[in-house]
Amino acid sequence: MTRSEYAQRVLQQYRRLPGTYGRILRTDRRLALELHDRGIQLSVVEDAFVLAMARLRLRPDPDSLERIRSLHYLKPLIQELTETPLPPGYLQYLRHKLDNVGIQINV
């Protein structure tokens, strides 16, 4: 996958996440390219999307939270996942929990 294709896929998926403004900032494009340049696998970024949605939406009052304004919100999660991968099956568990509250992450 080329650098441009990688960035485009990350940004398209980010834009579709529930709880974002659905717009892409210039800094988001730079971060997506930086992730490619750092060799971050696309699957790690996609896992960060699921983890972020679970942490935000599976809380007692998720509607009280502000929308995600930038892809940079996910940068610490991506770092966390590169340092400590999730246990096998945990992402499927989170997806199931999100599905139960009406949130589907299509990555």
PDB file of N, CA and C in Angstrom:
ATOM      1  N   MET A   1       0.855  -1.167   0.000  1.00  0.00           N
ATOM      2  CA  MET A   1       0.000   0.000   0.000  1.00  0.00           C
ATOM      3  C   MET A   1       0.909   1.241   0.000  1.00  0.00           C
ATOM      4  N   THR A   2       0.596   2.172  -0.870  1.00  0.00           N
ATOM      5  CA  THR A   2       1.413   3.383  -0.942  1.00  0.00           C
ATOM      6  C   THR A   2       1.134   4.280   0.263  1.00  0.00           C
ATOM      7  N   ARG A   3       2.006   5.234   0.444  1.00  0.00           N
ATOM      8  CA  ARG A   3       1.870   6.204   1.536  1.00  0.00           C
ATOM      9  C   ARG A   3       0.539   6.946   1.425  1.00  0.00           C
ATOM     10  N   SER A   4       0.217   7.371   0.222  1.00  0.00           N
ATOM     11  CA  SER A   4      -1.016   8.116  -0.027  1.00  0.00           C
ATOM     12  C   SER A   4      -2.249   7.245   0.220  1.00  0.00           C
ATOM     13  N   GLU A   5      -2.219   6.002  -0.231  1.00  0.00           N
ATOM     14  CA  GLU A   5      -3.350   5.094  -0.028  1.00  0.00           C
ATOM     15  C   GLU A   5      -3.568   4.816   1.460  1.00  0.00           C
ATOM     16  N   TYR A   6      -2.471   4.618   2.173  1.00  0.00           N
ATOM     17  CA  TYR A   6      -2.539   4.388   3.616  1.00  0.00           C
ATOM     18  C   TYR A   6      -3.213   5.576   4.303  1.00  0.00           C
ATOM     19  N   ALA A   7      -2.714   6.767   4.025  1.00  0.00           N
ATOM     20  CA  ALA A   7      -3.262   7.973   4.652  1.00  0.00           C
ATOM     21  C   ALA A   7      -4.740   8.149   4.302  1.00  0.00           C
ATOM     22  N   GLN A   8      -5.075   7.915   3.051  1.00  0.00           N
ATOM     23  CA  GLN A   8      -6.462   8.067   2.627  1.00  0.00           C
ATOM     24  C   GLN A   8      -7.372   7.088   3.374  1.00  0.00           C
ATOM     25  N   ARG A   9      -6.917   5.865   3.531  1.00  0.00           N
ATOM     26  CA  ARG A   9      -7.745   4.871   4.227  1.00  0.00           C
ATOM     27  C   ARG A   9      -7.926   5.244   5.704  1.00  0.00           C
ATOM     28  N   VAL A  10      -6.845   5.653   6.357  1.00  0.00           N
ATOM     29  CA  VAL A  10      -6.933   6.072   7.760  1.00  0.00           C
ATOM     30  C   VAL A  10      -7.920   7.225   7.899  1.00  0.00           C
ATOM     31  N   LEU A  11      -7.804   8.210   7.039  1.00  0.00           N
ATOM     32  CA  LEU A  11      -8.657   9.399   7.142  1.00  0.00           C
ATOM     33  C   LEU A  11     -10.114   9.092   6.830  1.00  0.00           C
ATOM     34  N   GLN A  12     -10.359   8.232   5.844  1.00  0.00           N
ATOM     35  CA  GLN A  12     -11.741   7.854   5.531  1.00  0.00           C
ATOM     36  C   GLN A  12     -12.377   7.128   6.711  1.00  0.00           C
ATOM     37  N   GLN A  13     -11.628   6.230   7.324  1.00  0.00           N
ATOM     38  CA  GLN A  13     -12.170   5.489   8.464  1.00  0.00           C
ATOM     39  C   GLN A  13     -12.373   6.408   9.665  1.00  0.00           C
ATOM     40  N   TYR A  14     -11.432   7.301   9.884  1.00  0.00           N
ATOM     41  CA  TYR A  14     -11.575   8.251  10.987  1.00  0.00           C
ATOM     42  C   TYR A  14     -12.832   9.113  10.789  1.00  0.00           C
ATOM     43  N   ARG A  15     -13.037   9.589   9.586  1.00  0.00           N
ATOM     44  CA  ARG A  15     -14.183  10.459   9.289  1.00  0.00           C
ATOM     45  C   ARG A  15     -15.507   9.762   9.586  1.00  0.00           C
ATOM     46  N   ARG A  16     -15.564   8.458   9.397  1.00  0.00           N
ATOM     47  CA  ARG A  16     -16.806   7.701   9.612  1.00  0.00           C
ATOM     48  C   ARG A  16     -17.044   7.299  11.063  1.00  0.00           C
ATOM     49  N   LEU A  17     -16.065   7.531  11.928  1.00  0.00           N
ATOM     50  CA  LEU A  17     -16.238   7.137  13.326  1.00  0.00           C
ATOM     51  C   LEU A  17     -17.375   7.920  13.975  1.00  0.00           C
ATOM     52  N   PRO A  18     -18.203   7.245  14.754  1.00  0.00           N
ATOM     53  CA  PRO A  18     -19.205   7.967  15.526  1.00  0.00           C
ATOM     54  C   PRO A  18     -18.503   8.872  16.542  1.00  0.00           C
ATOM     55  N   GLY A  19     -18.997  10.056  16.716  1.00  0.00           N
ATOM     56  CA  GLY A  19     -18.416  10.949  17.707  1.00  0.00           C
ATOM     57  C   GLY A  19     -17.343  11.878  17.175  1.00  0.00           C
ATOM     58  N   THR A  20     -17.122  11.863  15.860  1.00  0.00           N
ATOM     59  CA  THR A  20     -16.201  12.833  15.263  1.00  0.00           C
ATOM     60  C   THR A  20     -17.033  13.879  14.525  1.00  0.00           C
ATOM     61  N   TYR A  21     -16.392  14.928  14.127  1.00  0.00           N
ATOM     62  CA  TYR A  21     -17.089  15.959  13.348  1.00  0.00           C
ATOM     63  C   TYR A  21     -17.210  15.582  11.874  1.00  0.00           C
ATOM     64  N   GLY A  22     -16.521  14.512  11.473  1.00  0.00           N
ATOM     65  CA  GLY A  22     -16.617  14.064  10.091  1.00  0.00           C
ATOM     66  C   GLY A  22     -15.819  14.896   9.117  1.00  0.00           C
ATOM     67  N   ARG A  23     -14.910  15.691   9.625  1.00  0.00           N
ATOM     68  CA  ARG A  23     -14.079  16.503   8.734  1.00  0.00           C
ATOM     69  C   ARG A  23     -12.611  16.178   9.005  1.00  0.00           C
ATOM     70  N   ILE A  24     -11.807  16.442   8.009  1.00  0.00           N
ATOM     71  CA  ILE A  24     -10.378  16.144   8.080  1.00  0.00           C
ATOM     72  C   ILE A  24      -9.606  17.462   8.084  1.00  0.00           C
ATOM     73  N   LEU A  25      -8.763  17.604   9.082  1.00  0.00           N
ATOM     74  CA  LEU A  25      -7.913  18.784   9.178  1.00  0.00           C
ATOM     75  C   LEU A  25      -6.562  18.525   8.512  1.00  0.00           C
ATOM     76  N   ARG A  26      -5.883  19.587   8.187  1.00  0.00           N
ATOM     77  CA  ARG A  26      -4.551  19.460   7.596  1.00  0.00           C
ATOM     78  C   ARG A  26      -3.616  18.677   8.526  1.00  0.00           C
ATOM     79  N   THR A  27      -3.744  18.929   9.817  1.00  0.00           N
ATOM     80  CA  THR A  27      -2.903  18.218  10.782  1.00  0.00           C
ATOM     81  C   THR A  27      -3.240  16.725  10.834  1.00  0.00           C
ATOM     82  N   ASP A  28      -4.502  16.378  10.553  1.00  0.00           N
ATOM     83  CA  ASP A  28      -4.895  14.971  10.485  1.00  0.00           C
ATOM     84  C   ASP A  28      -4.186  14.284   9.322  1.00  0.00           C
ATOM     85  N   ARG A  29      -4.129  14.963   8.177  1.00  0.00           N
ATOM     86  CA  ARG A  29      -3.436  14.399   7.011  1.00  0.00           C
ATOM     87  C   ARG A  29      -1.961  14.173   7.321  1.00  0.00           C
ATOM     88  N   ARG A  30      -1.352  15.149   7.967  1.00  0.00           N
ATOM     89  CA  ARG A  30       0.071  15.007   8.321  1.00  0.00           C
ATOM     90  C   ARG A  30       0.286  13.835   9.268  1.00  0.00           C
ATOM     91  N   LEU A  31      -0.604  13.677  10.247  1.00  0.00           N
ATOM     92  CA  LEU A  31      -0.466  12.568  11.186  1.00  0.00           C
ATOM     93  C   LEU A  31      -0.634  11.226  10.469  1.00  0.00           C
ATOM     94  N   ALA A  32      -1.597  11.120   9.584  1.00  0.00           N
ATOM     95  CA  ALA A  32      -1.796   9.867   8.849  1.00  0.00           C
ATOM     96  C   ALA A  32      -0.540   9.507   8.049  1.00  0.00           C
ATOM     97  N   LEU A  33       0.064  10.481   7.415  1.00  0.00           N
ATOM     98  CA  LEU A  33       1.306  10.238   6.667  1.00  0.00           C
ATOM     99  C   LEU A  33       2.445   9.867   7.612  1.00  0.00           C
ATOM    100  N   GLU A  34       2.496  10.526   8.760  1.00  0.00           N
ATOM    101  CA  GLU A  34       3.522  10.227   9.762  1.00  0.00           C
ATOM    102  C   GLU A  34       3.393   8.796  10.267  1.00  0.00           C
ATOM    103  N   LEU A  35       2.162   8.347  10.486  1.00  0.00           N
ATOM    104  CA  LEU A  35       1.935   6.973  10.942  1.00  0.00           C
ATOM    105  C   LEU A  35       2.482   5.981   9.918  1.00  0.00           C
ATOM    106  N   HIS A  36       2.237   6.263   8.652  1.00  0.00           N
ATOM    107  CA  HIS A  36       2.787   5.407   7.589  1.00  0.00           C
ATOM    108  C   HIS A  36       4.306   5.416   7.635  1.00  0.00           C
ATOM    109  N   ASP A  37       4.880   6.601   7.733  1.00  0.00           N
ATOM    110  CA  ASP A  37       6.334   6.738   7.734  1.00  0.00           C
ATOM    111  C   ASP A  37       6.977   6.038   8.930  1.00  0.00           C
ATOM    112  N   ARG A  38       6.260   5.988  10.048  1.00  0.00           N
ATOM    113  CA  ARG A  38       6.765   5.311  11.242  1.00  0.00           C
ATOM    114  C   ARG A  38       6.569   3.803  11.170  1.00  0.00           C
ATOM    115  N   GLY A  39       5.890   3.333  10.129  1.00  0.00           N
ATOM    116  CA  GLY A  39       5.682   1.899   9.958  1.00  0.00           C
ATOM    117  C   GLY A  39       4.584   1.330  10.826  1.00  0.00           C
ATOM    118  N   ILE A  40       3.649   2.179  11.262  1.00  0.00           N
ATOM    119  CA  ILE A  40       2.520   1.705  12.072  1.00  0.00           C
ATOM    120  C   ILE A  40       1.563   0.944  11.161  1.00  0.00           C
ATOM    121  N   GLN A  41       1.323  -0.299  11.492  1.00  0.00           N
ATOM    122  CA  GLN A  41       0.429  -1.114  10.673  1.00  0.00           C
ATOM    123  C   GLN A  41      -0.980  -0.542  10.698  1.00  0.00           C
ATOM    124  N   LEU A  42      -1.652  -0.644   9.576  1.00  0.00           N
ATOM    125  CA  LEU A  42      -3.022  -0.148   9.467  1.00  0.00           C
ATOM    126  C   LEU A  42      -3.931  -0.838  10.488  1.00  0.00           C
ATOM    127  N   SER A  43      -3.677  -2.095  10.752  1.00  0.00           N
ATOM    128  CA  SER A  43      -4.500  -2.816  11.728  1.00  0.00           C
ATOM    129  C   SER A  43      -4.379  -2.214  13.123  1.00  0.00           C
ATOM    130  N   VAL A  44      -3.222  -1.680  13.474  1.00  0.00           N
ATOM    131  CA  VAL A  44      -3.046  -1.037  14.784  1.00  0.00           C
ATOM    132  C   VAL A  44      -3.893   0.235  14.856  1.00  0.00           C
ATOM    133  N   VAL A  45      -3.912   1.002  13.774  1.00  0.00           N
ATOM    134  CA  VAL A  45      -4.726   2.223  13.731  1.00  0.00           C
ATOM    135  C   VAL A  45      -6.204   1.852  13.830  1.00  0.00           C
ATOM    136  N   GLU A  46      -6.601   0.829  13.109  1.00  0.00           N
ATOM    137  CA  GLU A  46      -7.999   0.392  13.152  1.00  0.00           C
ATOM    138  C   GLU A  46      -8.376  -0.104  14.543  1.00  0.00           C
ATOM    139  N   ASP A  47      -7.465  -0.805  15.193  1.00  0.00           N
ATOM    140  CA  ASP A  47      -7.722  -1.259  16.565  1.00  0.00           C
ATOM    141  C   ASP A  47      -7.876  -0.060  17.504  1.00  0.00           C
ATOM    142  N   ALA A  48      -7.094   0.976  17.273  1.00  0.00           N
ATOM    143  CA  ALA A  48      -7.196   2.192  18.091  1.00  0.00           C
ATOM    144  C   ALA A  48      -8.565   2.840  17.924  1.00  0.00           C
ATOM    145  N   PHE A  49      -9.131   2.781  16.717  1.00  0.00           N
ATOM    146  CA  PHE A  49     -10.475   3.325  16.496  1.00  0.00           C
ATOM    147  C   PHE A  49     -11.489   2.590  17.383  1.00  0.00           C
ATOM    148  N   VAL A  50     -11.406   1.270  17.391  1.00  0.00           N
ATOM    149  CA  VAL A  50     -12.343   0.467  18.191  1.00  0.00           C
ATOM    150  C   VAL A  50     -12.144   0.748  19.681  1.00  0.00           C
ATOM    151  N   LEU A  51     -10.905   0.769  20.111  1.00  0.00           N
ATOM    152  CA  LEU A  51     -10.608   1.021  21.516  1.00  0.00           C
ATOM    153  C   LEU A  51     -11.092   2.405  21.957  1.00  0.00           C
ATOM    154  N   ALA A  52     -10.882   3.396  21.116  1.00  0.00           N
ATOM    155  CA  ALA A  52     -11.335   4.757  21.443  1.00  0.00           C
ATOM    156  C   ALA A  52     -12.851   4.808  21.576  1.00  0.00           C
ATOM    157  N   MET A  53     -13.553   4.206  20.640  1.00  0.00           N
ATOM    158  CA  MET A  53     -15.015   4.228  20.704  1.00  0.00           C
ATOM    159  C   MET A  53     -15.516   3.493  21.937  1.00  0.00           C
ATOM    160  N   ALA A  54     -14.871   2.387  22.288  1.00  0.00           N
ATOM    161  CA  ALA A  54     -15.284   1.644  23.477  1.00  0.00           C
ATOM    162  C   ALA A  54     -15.066   2.487  24.729  1.00  0.00           C
ATOM    163  N   ARG A  55     -13.916   3.128  24.826  1.00  0.00           N
ATOM    164  CA  ARG A  55     -13.622   3.934  26.012  1.00  0.00           C
ATOM    165  C   ARG A  55     -14.527   5.156  26.118  1.00  0.00           C
ATOM    166  N   LEU A  56     -14.935   5.677  24.989  1.00  0.00           N
ATOM    167  CA  LEU A  56     -15.797   6.858  25.009  1.00  0.00           C
ATOM    168  C   LEU A  56     -17.278   6.524  25.161  1.00  0.00           C
ATOM    169  N   ARG A  57     -17.729   5.522  24.445  1.00  0.00           N
ATOM    170  CA  ARG A  57     -19.166   5.276  24.361  1.00  0.00           C
ATOM    171  C   ARG A  57     -19.689   4.271  25.382  1.00  0.00           C
ATOM    172  N   LEU A  58     -18.813   3.471  25.972  1.00  0.00           N
ATOM    173  CA  LEU A  58     -19.262   2.477  26.947  1.00  0.00           C
ATOM    174  C   LEU A  58     -19.047   2.993  28.368  1.00  0.00           C
ATOM    175  N   ARG A  59     -19.546   4.168  28.613  1.00  0.00           N
ATOM    176  CA  ARG A  59     -19.480   4.773  29.937  1.00  0.00           C
ATOM    177  C   ARG A  59     -20.890   5.177  30.336  1.00  0.00           C
ATOM    178  N   PRO A  60     -21.095   5.493  31.594  1.00  0.00           N
ATOM    179  CA  PRO A  60     -22.463   5.772  32.057  1.00  0.00           C
ATOM    180  C   PRO A  60     -23.183   6.887  31.306  1.00  0.00           C
ATOM    181  N   ASP A  61     -22.505   7.958  30.944  1.00  0.00           N
ATOM    182  CA  ASP A  61     -23.165   9.074  30.278  1.00  0.00           C
ATOM    183  C   ASP A  61     -22.362   9.511  29.049  1.00  0.00           C
ATOM    184  N   PRO A  62     -22.338   8.685  28.010  1.00  0.00           N
ATOM    185  CA  PRO A  62     -21.490   8.984  26.850  1.00  0.00           C
ATOM    186  C   PRO A  62     -21.920  10.232  26.080  1.00  0.00           C
ATOM    187  N   ASP A  63     -23.165  10.609  26.157  1.00  0.00           N
ATOM    188  CA  ASP A  63     -23.632  11.769  25.394  1.00  0.00           C
ATOM    189  C   ASP A  63     -23.159  13.094  25.982  1.00  0.00           C
ATOM    190  N   SER A  64     -22.621  13.046  27.194  1.00  0.00           N
ATOM    191  CA  SER A  64     -22.124  14.276  27.803  1.00  0.00           C
ATOM    192  C   SER A  64     -20.729  14.648  27.297  1.00  0.00           C
ATOM    193  N   LEU A  65     -20.100  13.761  26.557  1.00  0.00           N
ATOM    194  CA  LEU A  65     -18.747  14.010  26.058  1.00  0.00           C
ATOM    195  C   LEU A  65     -18.773  14.835  24.779  1.00  0.00           C
ATOM    196  N   GLU A  66     -17.739  15.624  24.596  1.00  0.00           N
ATOM    197  CA  GLU A  66     -17.606  16.380  23.352  1.00  0.00           C
ATOM    198  C   GLU A  66     -17.187  15.449  22.216  1.00  0.00           C
ATOM    199  N   ARG A  67     -17.411  15.897  21.009  1.00  0.00           N
ATOM    200  CA  ARG A  67     -16.996  15.132  19.834  1.00  0.00           C
ATOM    201  C   ARG A  67     -15.476  15.134  19.714  1.00  0.00           C
ATOM    202  N   ILE A  68     -14.965  14.129  19.022  1.00  0.00           N
ATOM    203  CA  ILE A  68     -13.530  14.053  18.746  1.00  0.00           C
ATOM    204  C   ILE A  68     -13.239  15.055  17.645  1.00  0.00           C
ATOM    205  N   ARG A  69     -12.309  15.942  17.882  1.00  0.00           N
ATOM    206  CA  ARG A  69     -12.034  17.025  16.940  1.00  0.00           C
ATOM    207  C   ARG A  69     -10.923  16.718  15.955  1.00  0.00           C
ATOM    208  N   SER A  70     -10.066  15.747  16.281  1.00  0.00           N
ATOM    209  CA  SER A  70      -8.905  15.511  15.443  1.00  0.00           C
ATOM    210  C   SER A  70      -8.430  14.068  15.571  1.00  0.00           C
ATOM    211  N   LEU A  71      -7.789  13.597  14.530  1.00  0.00           N
ATOM    212  CA  LEU A  71      -7.163  12.278  14.541  1.00  0.00           C
ATOM    213  C   LEU A  71      -6.105  12.200  15.649  1.00  0.00           C
ATOM    214  N   HIS A  72      -5.577  13.329  16.038  1.00  0.00           N
ATOM    215  CA  HIS A  72      -4.558  13.366  17.089  1.00  0.00           C
ATOM    216  C   HIS A  72      -5.083  12.811  18.413  1.00  0.00           C
ATOM    217  N   TYR A  73      -6.382  12.805  18.603  1.00  0.00           N
ATOM    218  CA  TYR A  73      -6.974  12.223  19.799  1.00  0.00           C
ATOM    219  C   TYR A  73      -6.548  10.758  19.943  1.00  0.00           C
ATOM    220  N   LEU A  74      -6.372  10.086  18.803  1.00  0.00           N
ATOM    221  CA  LEU A  74      -6.061   8.659  18.810  1.00  0.00           C
ATOM    222  C   LEU A  74      -4.571   8.356  18.935  1.00  0.00           C
ATOM    223  N   LYS A  75      -3.737   9.363  18.838  1.00  0.00           N
ATOM    224  CA  LYS A  75      -2.292   9.138  18.853  1.00  0.00           C
ATOM    225  C   LYS A  75      -1.822   8.401  20.111  1.00  0.00           C
ATOM    226  N   PRO A  76      -2.267   8.769  21.312  1.00  0.00           N
ATOM    227  CA  PRO A  76      -1.835   8.011  22.492  1.00  0.00           C
ATOM    228  C   PRO A  76      -2.311   6.553  22.476  1.00  0.00           C
ATOM    229  N   LEU A  77      -3.495   6.313  21.925  1.00  0.00           N
ATOM    230  CA  LEU A  77      -3.995   4.936  21.848  1.00  0.00           C
ATOM    231  C   LEU A  77      -3.160   4.106  20.880  1.00  0.00           C
ATOM    232  N   ILE A  78      -2.775   4.714  19.773  1.00  0.00           N
ATOM    233  CA  ILE A  78      -1.929   4.015  18.802  1.00  0.00           C
ATOM    234  C   ILE A  78      -0.597   3.662  19.452  1.00  0.00           C
ATOM    235  N   GLN A  79      -0.036   4.602  20.201  1.00  0.00           N
ATOM    236  CA  GLN A  79       1.214   4.344  20.918  1.00  0.00           C
ATOM    237  C   GLN A  79       1.031   3.223  21.938  1.00  0.00           C
ATOM    238  N   GLU A  80      -0.070   3.281  22.664  1.00  0.00           N
ATOM    239  CA  GLU A  80      -0.371   2.247  23.661  1.00  0.00           C
ATOM    240  C   GLU A  80      -0.438   0.868  23.015  1.00  0.00           C
ATOM    241  N   LEU A  81      -1.107   0.779  21.882  1.00  0.00           N
ATOM    242  CA  LEU A  81      -1.266  -0.509  21.205  1.00  0.00           C
ATOM    243  C   LEU A  81       0.041  -1.018  20.599  1.00  0.00           C
ATOM    244  N   THR A  82       0.927  -0.127  20.191  1.00  0.00           N
ATOM    245  CA  THR A  82       2.219  -0.584  19.656  1.00  0.00           C
ATOM    246  C   THR A  82       3.108  -1.101  20.782  1.00  0.00           C
ATOM    247  N   GLU A  83       2.954  -0.532  21.967  1.00  0.00           N
ATOM    248  CA  GLU A  83       3.772  -0.966  23.109  1.00  0.00           C
ATOM    249  C   GLU A  83       3.189  -2.196  23.799  1.00  0.00           C
ATOM    250  N   THR A  84       1.866  -2.258  23.878  1.00  0.00           N
ATOM    251  CA  THR A  84       1.192  -3.355  24.574  1.00  0.00           C
ATOM    252  C   THR A  84      -0.016  -3.804  23.762  1.00  0.00           C
ATOM    253  N   PRO A  85       0.163  -4.773  22.884  1.00  0.00           N
ATOM    254  CA  PRO A  85      -0.984  -5.259  22.099  1.00  0.00           C
ATOM    255  C   PRO A  85      -2.083  -5.824  22.998  1.00  0.00           C
ATOM    256  N   LEU A  86      -3.302  -5.731  22.515  1.00  0.00           N
ATOM    257  CA  LEU A  86      -4.447  -6.251  23.264  1.00  0.00           C
ATOM    258  C   LEU A  86      -4.452  -7.777  23.238  1.00  0.00           C
ATOM    259  N   PRO A  87      -5.029  -8.396  24.266  1.00  0.00           N
ATOM    260  CA  PRO A  87      -5.120  -9.866  24.275  1.00  0.00           C
ATOM    261  C   PRO A  87      -5.988 -10.361  23.113  1.00  0.00           C
ATOM    262  N   PRO A  88      -5.714 -11.564  22.631  1.00  0.00           N
ATOM    263  CA  PRO A  88      -6.537 -12.122  21.538  1.00  0.00           C
ATOM    264  C   PRO A  88      -8.017 -12.140  21.924  1.00  0.00           C
ATOM    265  N   GLY A  89      -8.845 -11.746  20.991  1.00  0.00           N
ATOM    266  CA  GLY A  89     -10.287 -11.769  21.207  1.00  0.00           C
ATOM    267  C   GLY A  89     -10.861 -10.530  21.875  1.00  0.00           C
ATOM    268  N   TYR A  90     -10.005  -9.672  22.426  1.00  0.00           N
ATOM    269  CA  TYR A  90     -10.515  -8.512  23.155  1.00  0.00           C
ATOM    270  C   TYR A  90     -11.206  -7.506  22.225  1.00  0.00           C
ATOM    271  N   LEU A  91     -10.658  -7.308  21.036  1.00  0.00           N
ATOM    272  CA  LEU A  91     -11.299  -6.376  20.095  1.00  0.00           C
ATOM    273  C   LEU A  91     -12.668  -6.879  19.653  1.00  0.00           C
ATOM    274  N   GLN A  92     -12.789  -8.189  19.453  1.00  0.00           N
ATOM    275  CA  GLN A  92     -14.097  -8.751  19.096  1.00  0.00           C
ATOM    276  C   GLN A  92     -15.088  -8.530  20.233  1.00  0.00           C
ATOM    277  N   TYR A  93     -14.612  -8.677  21.471  1.00  0.00           N
ATOM    278  CA  TYR A  93     -15.448  -8.422  22.639  1.00  0.00           C
ATOM    279  C   TYR A  93     -15.914  -6.969  22.655  1.00  0.00           C
ATOM    280  N   LEU A  94     -14.988  -6.027  22.408  1.00  0.00           N
ATOM    281  CA  LEU A  94     -15.351  -4.605  22.388  1.00  0.00           C
ATOM    282  C   LEU A  94     -16.328  -4.297  21.267  1.00  0.00           C
ATOM    283  N   ARG A  95     -16.101  -4.870  20.089  1.00  0.00           N
ATOM    284  CA  ARG A  95     -17.028  -4.665  18.968  1.00  0.00           C
ATOM    285  C   ARG A  95     -18.433  -5.149  19.337  1.00  0.00           C
ATOM    286  N   HIS A  96     -18.501  -6.299  19.999  1.00  0.00           N
ATOM    287  CA  HIS A  96     -19.792  -6.848  20.418  1.00  0.00           C
ATOM    288  C   HIS A  96     -20.476  -5.903  21.417  1.00  0.00           C
ATOM    289  N   LYS A  97     -19.716  -5.406  22.376  1.00  0.00           N
ATOM    290  CA  LYS A  97     -20.273  -4.467  23.353  1.00  0.00           C
ATOM    291  C   LYS A  97     -20.768  -3.190  22.658  1.00  0.00           C
ATOM    292  N   LEU A  98     -20.000  -2.688  21.701  1.00  0.00           N
ATOM    293  CA  LEU A  98     -20.406  -1.492  20.959  1.00  0.00           C
ATOM    294  C   LEU A  98     -21.655  -1.765  20.132  1.00  0.00           C
ATOM    295  N   ASP A  99     -21.706  -2.935  19.493  1.00  0.00           N
ATOM    296  CA  ASP A  99     -22.902  -3.310  18.723  1.00  0.00           C
ATOM    297  C   ASP A  99     -24.142  -3.301  19.612  1.00  0.00           C
ATOM    298  N   ASN A 100     -23.988  -3.753  20.844  1.00  0.00           N
ATOM    299  CA  ASN A 100     -25.123  -3.815  21.779  1.00  0.00           C
ATOM    300  C   ASN A 100     -25.676  -2.446  22.138  1.00  0.00           C
ATOM    301  N   VAL A 101     -24.854  -1.398  21.990  1.00  0.00           N
ATOM    302  CA  VAL A 101     -25.357  -0.040  22.255  1.00  0.00           C
ATOM    303  C   VAL A 101     -25.577   0.734  20.946  1.00  0.00           C
ATOM    304  N   GLY A 102     -25.605  -0.001  19.838  1.00  0.00           N
ATOM    305  CA  GLY A 102     -25.938   0.611  18.548  1.00  0.00           C
ATOM    306  C   GLY A 102     -24.800   1.308  17.829  1.00  0.00           C
ATOM    307  N   ILE A 103     -23.570   0.984  18.183  1.00  0.00           N
ATOM    308  CA  ILE A 103     -22.421   1.600  17.523  1.00  0.00           C
ATOM    309  C   ILE A 103     -21.665   0.545  16.751  1.00  0.00           C
ATOM    310  N   GLN A 104     -21.598   0.737  15.446  1.00  0.00           N
ATOM    311  CA  GLN A 104     -20.859  -0.188  14.604  1.00  0.00           C
ATOM    312  C   GLN A 104     -19.651   0.525  14.018  1.00  0.00           C
ATOM    313  N   ILE A 105     -18.521  -0.100  14.166  1.00  0.00           N
ATOM    314  CA  ILE A 105     -17.269   0.453  13.630  1.00  0.00           C
ATOM    315  C   ILE A 105     -16.911  -0.389  12.411  1.00  0.00           C
ATOM    316  N   ASN A 106     -16.966   0.204  11.272  1.00  0.00           N
ATOM    317  CA  ASN A 106     -16.674  -0.512  10.026  1.00  0.00           C
ATOM    318  C   ASN A 106     -15.272  -0.199   9.549  1.00  0.00           C
ATOM    319  N   VAL A 107     -14.333  -0.995  10.030  1.00  0.00           N
ATOM    320  CA  VAL A 107     -12.950  -0.843   9.574  1.00  0.00           C
ATOM    321  C   VAL A 107     -12.482  -2.156   9.015  1.00  0.00           C
TER     322      VAL A 107
END
